[in-house]
Amino acid sequence: MISIIPDGFNDFVCKAGNCRHTCCQTWEIDIDDDTAAYYLSLKGDLGKRLKKAIGKNEDGCYFKLNREGFCHFLRKDGLCEIILELGEDKLCDICTVHPRFFTYVEDYILCGTGLCCEETCEILAGLEGPLQFTEEDTGRRLSFEALLQDMDLDLSPESCHYIPEIGTDYYKALLSRLAATEPIDTAWTEEMKSLPQMGAQLTDKAKKYKTSYDKSLFDRLYQFILYRQLDKCLVYEPEDVARYAKESTDYIFLKAALTGNPLEAMRRWSEQIEYDTENVDILLQALENNKMDSD
């Protein structure tokens, strides 16, 4: 297998207590069987608290959330009690790996960290120039275009770079597709209702933002979104996967135009779309259906 490392991946370090958007909230974290058995075997106060905080369903064990929607072992200072008391090596598999991802495409393992993590967004913003990759075993450096060629993915050179698409009708259609995804929370649902009501204001904001936005950052962002979903090219047409990345980046561009905060826009998008694989497929299927209808 050929492991591909994007620039910045090896620089990733969890911000822990300095993170403004902890991953220890809003979702029930699955616990692998071996770690669950270890947790349930522990004695003392921590063992008692773990037993109370662990739920079980047909898929196995998971951490319950408290009334505020946080993991019971997340301290007020943003640190994890399990790490502090037992050590980082005693975390369950998901807590150990997250937000890292490893996408398998034939002979390739595409490594990275998810954009739902603000540290990943900051790393991506801190890079200079186009996104670059390294073959882990050989040290060979690759541009995004070169990586696609090596992987024999049939995408045009134009599909490797980002150009914003702006227009009131376009945003209406884009937001309609996003509204069909499974919402992560009520705030997303309300946003999908309110944004279309802005009509031409969206276009005006986007046009103004286009005069000053960070072109290099958005090019890297588009490439990174497409990079993460390259395995979908085994199921969908590559141009549909590229279109998914393009529309996702267009939404982030629009949100950045409205808020002035592109990093939070990409983090929030990832939280809603990338971390629900059903939502990725919903969007890809919608693009595939639209293409069939137009034909």
Protein backbone atom coordinates (compact mmCIF):
# COMPACT_ATOMS: atom_id res chain seq x y z
CA MET A 1 0.00 0.00 0.00
CA ILE A 2 1.15 3.53 -0.81
CA SER A 3 0.58 5.94 2.08
CA ILE A 4 -0.04 9.57 1.08
CA ILE A 5 0.60 12.33 3.62
CA PRO A 6 -0.71 15.86 2.96
CA ASP A 7 1.43 18.77 4.12
CA GLY A 8 0.60 19.63 7.72
CA PHE A 9 -0.63 16.15 8.66
CA ASN A 10 2.44 15.30 10.71
CA ASP A 11 2.24 18.69 12.44
CA PHE A 12 -1.16 17.92 13.97
CA VAL A 13 -1.36 18.12 17.76
CA CYS A 14 -4.69 18.26 19.59
CA LYS A 15 -5.30 21.71 21.15
CA ALA A 16 -6.95 20.02 24.15
CA GLY A 17 -8.01 22.71 26.63
CA ASN A 18 -7.30 25.49 24.12
CA CYS A 19 -9.85 24.17 21.62
CA ARG A 20 -13.01 26.25 21.29
CA HIS A 21 -14.98 23.38 19.72
CA THR A 22 -14.21 20.21 21.62
CA CYS A 23 -14.92 16.94 19.83
CA CYS A 24 -16.13 15.52 23.19
CA GLN A 25 -19.67 16.81 22.66
CA THR A 26 -22.92 16.38 20.69
CA TRP A 27 -22.18 12.82 19.53
CA GLU A 28 -22.15 9.54 21.47
CA ILE A 29 -18.65 8.09 21.05
CA ASP A 30 -18.50 4.38 20.29
CA ILE A 31 -16.10 2.34 22.44
CA ASP A 32 -14.31 -0.63 20.90
CA ASP A 33 -14.93 -3.96 22.63
CA ASP A 34 -11.47 -4.38 24.17
CA THR A 35 -11.42 -0.89 25.67
CA ALA A 36 -15.02 -1.22 26.89
CA ALA A 37 -14.11 -4.46 28.69
CA TYR A 38 -11.11 -2.71 30.27
CA TYR A 39 -13.17 0.29 31.41
CA LEU A 40 -15.89 -1.93 32.89
CA SER A 41 -13.29 -3.93 34.81
CA LEU A 42 -11.85 -0.89 36.61
CA LYS A 43 -12.40 -0.46 40.34
CA GLY A 44 -12.53 2.66 42.49
CA ASP A 45 -14.26 5.98 41.84
CA LEU A 46 -13.24 6.23 38.18
CA GLY A 47 -14.43 2.67 37.55
CA LYS A 48 -17.83 3.46 39.09
CA ARG A 49 -18.16 6.63 37.02
CA LEU A 50 -17.18 4.81 33.84
CA LYS A 51 -19.84 2.15 34.43
CA LYS A 52 -22.49 4.86 34.86
CA ALA A 53 -21.31 6.78 31.79
CA ILE A 54 -21.15 3.81 29.40
CA GLY A 55 -24.27 2.83 27.49
CA LYS A 56 -24.86 -0.26 25.37
CA ASN A 57 -26.94 -0.96 22.28
CA GLU A 58 -27.01 -3.54 19.50
CA ASP A 59 -23.78 -2.09 18.06
CA GLY A 60 -21.83 -2.25 21.32
CA CYS A 61 -20.77 0.22 24.00
CA TYR A 62 -20.63 4.00 23.81
CA PHE A 63 -20.10 7.03 26.05
CA LYS A 64 -23.34 8.67 27.13
CA LEU A 65 -23.54 12.47 27.14
CA ASN A 66 -24.42 14.63 30.13
CA ARG A 67 -27.32 17.08 30.20
CA GLU A 68 -25.23 19.73 28.45
CA GLY A 69 -24.35 17.32 25.66
CA PHE A 70 -20.73 16.73 26.71
CA CYS A 71 -18.79 13.57 27.51
CA HIS A 72 -18.90 12.92 31.27
CA PHE A 73 -15.09 12.87 31.37
CA LEU A 74 -14.50 16.26 29.75
CA ARG A 75 -13.35 18.65 32.47
CA LYS A 76 -14.24 22.34 32.57
CA ASP A 77 -10.68 23.20 31.53
CA GLY A 78 -11.17 21.14 28.34
CA LEU A 79 -8.95 18.24 29.43
CA CYS A 80 -9.91 14.56 29.51
CA GLU A 81 -10.08 12.84 32.88
CA ILE A 82 -9.39 9.45 31.33
CA ILE A 83 -6.10 10.69 29.87
CA LEU A 84 -5.16 12.43 33.11
CA GLU A 85 -5.88 9.41 35.30
CA LEU A 86 -5.10 6.44 33.04
CA GLY A 87 -2.90 7.82 30.27
CA GLU A 88 -3.50 8.54 26.59
CA ASP A 89 -2.87 4.92 25.66
CA LYS A 90 -6.03 3.91 27.54
CA LEU A 91 -8.36 5.86 25.25
CA CYS A 92 -10.79 3.96 23.06
CA ASP A 93 -9.93 3.63 19.37
CA ILE A 94 -12.11 6.52 18.16
CA CYS A 95 -10.78 8.95 20.77
CA THR A 96 -7.23 7.91 19.88
CA VAL A 97 -7.59 8.32 16.12
CA HIS A 98 -10.05 11.24 15.79
CA PRO A 99 -9.89 13.53 13.82
CA ARG A 100 -7.44 11.55 11.70
CA PHE A 101 -8.84 9.72 8.68
CA PHE A 102 -7.43 7.00 6.46
CA THR A 103 -9.18 6.57 3.12
CA TYR A 104 -8.42 3.43 1.13
CA VAL A 105 -8.45 3.67 -2.66
CA GLU A 106 -7.11 0.52 -4.31
CA ASP A 107 -3.32 0.59 -3.64
CA TYR A 108 -3.42 3.92 -1.78
CA ILE A 109 -3.99 4.97 1.82
CA LEU A 110 -4.91 8.65 1.87
CA CYS A 111 -4.14 10.09 5.30
CA GLY A 112 -5.36 13.34 6.82
CA THR A 113 -7.21 15.05 9.65
CA GLY A 114 -10.80 16.21 9.43
CA LEU A 115 -11.84 19.80 8.88
CA CYS A 116 -14.33 19.49 11.76
CA CYS A 117 -11.27 20.10 13.94
CA GLU A 118 -10.25 23.75 14.26
CA GLU A 119 -6.58 22.77 14.48
CA THR A 120 -6.83 21.15 11.03
CA CYS A 121 -8.41 24.32 9.64
CA GLU A 122 -5.64 26.43 11.14
CA ILE A 123 -2.95 24.13 9.72
CA LEU A 124 -4.54 24.32 6.27
CA ALA A 125 -4.69 28.11 6.51
CA GLY A 126 -1.06 28.28 7.61
CA LEU A 127 0.28 26.47 4.54
CA GLU A 128 1.62 28.42 1.59
CA GLY A 129 0.84 27.85 -2.06
CA PRO A 130 -0.88 24.79 -3.53
CA LEU A 131 -1.56 21.70 -1.47
CA GLN A 132 1.34 19.26 -1.56
CA PHE A 133 1.58 15.58 -0.65
CA THR A 134 4.36 13.14 0.22
CA GLU A 135 4.61 9.40 -0.43
CA GLU A 136 5.49 8.18 3.03
CA ASP A 137 7.80 5.33 1.99
CA THR A 138 9.75 7.11 -0.77
CA GLY A 139 9.59 10.75 0.31
CA ARG A 140 8.44 11.67 -3.19
CA ARG A 141 6.64 15.02 -3.33
CA LEU A 142 3.40 15.33 -5.31
CA SER A 143 1.09 18.11 -6.36
CA PHE A 144 -2.64 17.39 -6.28
CA GLU A 145 -2.66 17.03 -10.07
CA ALA A 146 0.25 14.56 -9.94
CA LEU A 147 -1.48 12.51 -7.24
CA LEU A 148 -4.64 12.20 -9.33
CA GLN A 149 -2.57 11.13 -12.34
CA ASP A 150 -0.73 8.51 -10.29
CA MET A 151 -4.08 7.17 -9.08
CA ASP A 152 -5.42 7.05 -12.68
CA LEU A 153 -8.39 9.22 -11.75
CA ASP A 154 -10.02 10.74 -14.80
CA LEU A 155 -10.36 14.39 -13.83
CA SER A 156 -9.55 17.37 -16.00
CA PRO A 157 -6.80 19.85 -14.99
CA GLU A 158 -9.58 22.40 -14.43
CA SER A 159 -11.10 20.08 -11.81
CA CYS A 160 -7.95 20.38 -9.70
CA HIS A 161 -8.48 24.04 -8.79
CA TYR A 162 -11.19 26.20 -7.30
CA ILE A 163 -13.02 29.08 -8.93
CA PRO A 164 -16.04 30.43 -7.01
CA GLU A 165 -19.43 30.06 -8.63
CA ILE A 166 -21.74 32.91 -7.66
CA GLY A 167 -25.39 33.56 -8.46
CA THR A 168 -28.75 33.87 -6.73
CA ASP A 169 -30.34 30.93 -8.57
CA TYR A 170 -27.22 28.85 -8.04
CA TYR A 171 -27.21 29.52 -4.29
CA LYS A 172 -30.90 28.66 -4.12
CA ALA A 173 -30.25 25.26 -5.71
CA LEU A 174 -27.12 24.67 -3.62
CA LEU A 175 -28.88 25.44 -0.35
CA SER A 176 -31.80 23.25 -1.35
CA ARG A 177 -29.44 20.30 -1.75
CA LEU A 178 -27.78 21.03 1.59
CA ALA A 179 -31.18 21.32 3.28
CA ALA A 180 -31.94 17.73 2.23
CA THR A 181 -29.09 16.38 4.40
CA GLU A 182 -29.66 15.04 7.89
CA PRO A 183 -29.11 18.01 10.24
CA ILE A 184 -26.57 17.82 13.03
CA ASP A 185 -28.60 20.25 15.15
CA THR A 186 -31.48 22.74 15.03
CA ALA A 187 -29.09 25.59 14.19
CA TRP A 188 -28.26 23.95 10.85
CA THR A 189 -31.96 23.49 10.06
CA GLU A 190 -32.70 27.14 10.84
CA GLU A 191 -29.76 28.27 8.70
CA MET A 192 -31.00 26.27 5.73
CA LYS A 193 -34.36 28.02 6.12
CA SER A 194 -33.06 31.54 6.61
CA LEU A 195 -30.26 31.76 4.04
CA PRO A 196 -32.45 31.31 0.92
CA GLN A 197 -34.67 34.15 2.17
CA MET A 198 -31.73 36.54 1.74
CA GLY A 199 -32.03 36.14 -2.02
CA ALA A 200 -29.86 38.56 -4.00
CA GLN A 201 -28.11 39.71 -0.82
CA LEU A 202 -26.19 36.44 -0.87
CA THR A 203 -24.90 37.18 -4.35
CA ASP A 204 -23.95 40.74 -3.42
CA LYS A 205 -22.05 39.58 -0.35
CA ALA A 206 -20.26 36.86 -2.32
CA LYS A 207 -19.26 39.23 -5.12
CA LYS A 208 -17.80 41.66 -2.63
CA TYR A 209 -15.92 38.87 -0.84
CA LYS A 210 -14.49 37.64 -4.12
CA THR A 211 -12.48 40.86 -4.45
CA SER A 212 -10.45 40.11 -1.32
CA TYR A 213 -10.70 36.40 -0.42
CA ASP A 214 -7.63 34.21 0.09
CA LYS A 215 -7.48 32.38 -3.25
CA SER A 216 -4.65 30.10 -2.15
CA LEU A 217 -6.52 28.98 0.98
CA PHE A 218 -9.71 28.18 -0.91
CA ASP A 219 -7.78 26.29 -3.57
CA ARG A 220 -6.20 24.14 -0.85
CA LEU A 221 -9.56 23.74 0.84
CA TYR A 222 -11.24 22.53 -2.35
CA GLN A 223 -8.42 20.09 -3.04
CA PHE A 224 -8.50 18.79 0.54
CA ILE A 225 -12.28 18.23 0.45
CA LEU A 226 -11.94 16.35 -2.85
CA TYR A 227 -8.89 14.44 -1.58
CA ARG A 228 -10.84 13.08 1.39
CA GLN A 229 -13.60 11.72 -0.85
CA LEU A 230 -11.49 10.19 -3.63
CA ASP A 231 -12.70 6.74 -2.61
CA LYS A 232 -16.15 7.84 -3.78
CA CYS A 233 -14.75 7.84 -7.33
CA LEU A 234 -15.04 4.04 -7.12
CA VAL A 235 -18.83 4.42 -6.77
CA TYR A 236 -19.69 7.72 -8.46
CA GLU A 237 -18.38 9.43 -11.57
CA PRO A 238 -15.17 11.35 -10.71
CA GLU A 239 -16.64 14.57 -12.11
CA ASP A 240 -19.59 14.23 -9.70
CA VAL A 241 -17.20 13.83 -6.78
CA ALA A 242 -15.31 16.92 -7.97
CA ARG A 243 -18.62 18.77 -8.24
CA TYR A 244 -19.44 17.75 -4.66
CA ALA A 245 -16.13 19.28 -3.53
CA LYS A 246 -16.78 22.37 -5.64
CA GLU A 247 -20.27 22.97 -4.24
CA SER A 248 -19.05 22.31 -0.71
CA THR A 249 -16.32 24.90 -1.15
CA ASP A 250 -18.85 27.32 -2.67
CA TYR A 251 -21.00 26.99 0.44
CA ILE A 252 -18.00 27.62 2.69
CA PHE A 253 -17.08 30.61 0.48
CA LEU A 254 -20.61 31.98 0.89
CA LYS A 255 -20.55 31.54 4.67
CA ALA A 256 -17.14 33.19 4.85
CA ALA A 257 -18.55 36.10 2.84
CA LEU A 258 -21.40 36.45 5.35
CA THR A 259 -19.37 36.02 8.54
CA GLY A 260 -15.79 37.02 7.63
CA ASN A 261 -14.57 33.78 9.22
CA PRO A 262 -13.57 31.15 6.62
CA LEU A 263 -12.02 28.79 9.19
CA GLU A 264 -15.19 28.52 11.24
CA ALA A 265 -17.20 28.20 8.01
CA MET A 266 -15.16 25.17 6.92
CA ARG A 267 -15.20 23.61 10.41
CA ARG A 268 -18.97 23.92 10.70
CA TRP A 269 -19.54 22.57 7.17
CA SER A 270 -17.33 19.54 7.92
CA GLU A 271 -19.14 18.88 11.19
CA GLN A 272 -22.47 18.75 9.33
CA ILE A 273 -21.48 17.04 6.08
CA GLU A 274 -18.13 15.19 6.19
CA TYR A 275 -18.76 13.52 9.53
CA ASP A 276 -22.02 11.99 8.40
CA THR A 277 -21.17 9.72 5.49
CA GLU A 278 -24.88 9.45 4.67
CA ASN A 279 -24.91 13.20 4.04
CA VAL A 280 -21.98 12.92 1.64
CA ASP A 281 -23.88 10.25 -0.28
CA ILE A 282 -27.09 12.29 -0.22
CA LEU A 283 -25.27 15.16 -1.93
CA LEU A 284 -23.49 12.92 -4.43
CA GLN A 285 -26.70 11.15 -5.35
CA ALA A 286 -28.46 14.50 -5.82
CA LEU A 287 -25.73 15.63 -8.21
CA GLU A 288 -25.91 12.33 -10.08
CA ASN A 289 -29.71 12.60 -10.38
CA ASN A 290 -29.52 16.20 -11.56
CA LYS A 291 -27.09 15.22 -14.29
CA MET A 292 -29.38 12.38 -15.43
CA ASP A 293 -32.37 14.73 -15.49
CA SER A 294 -30.50 17.31 -17.57
CA ASP A 295 -29.47 14.60 -20.05
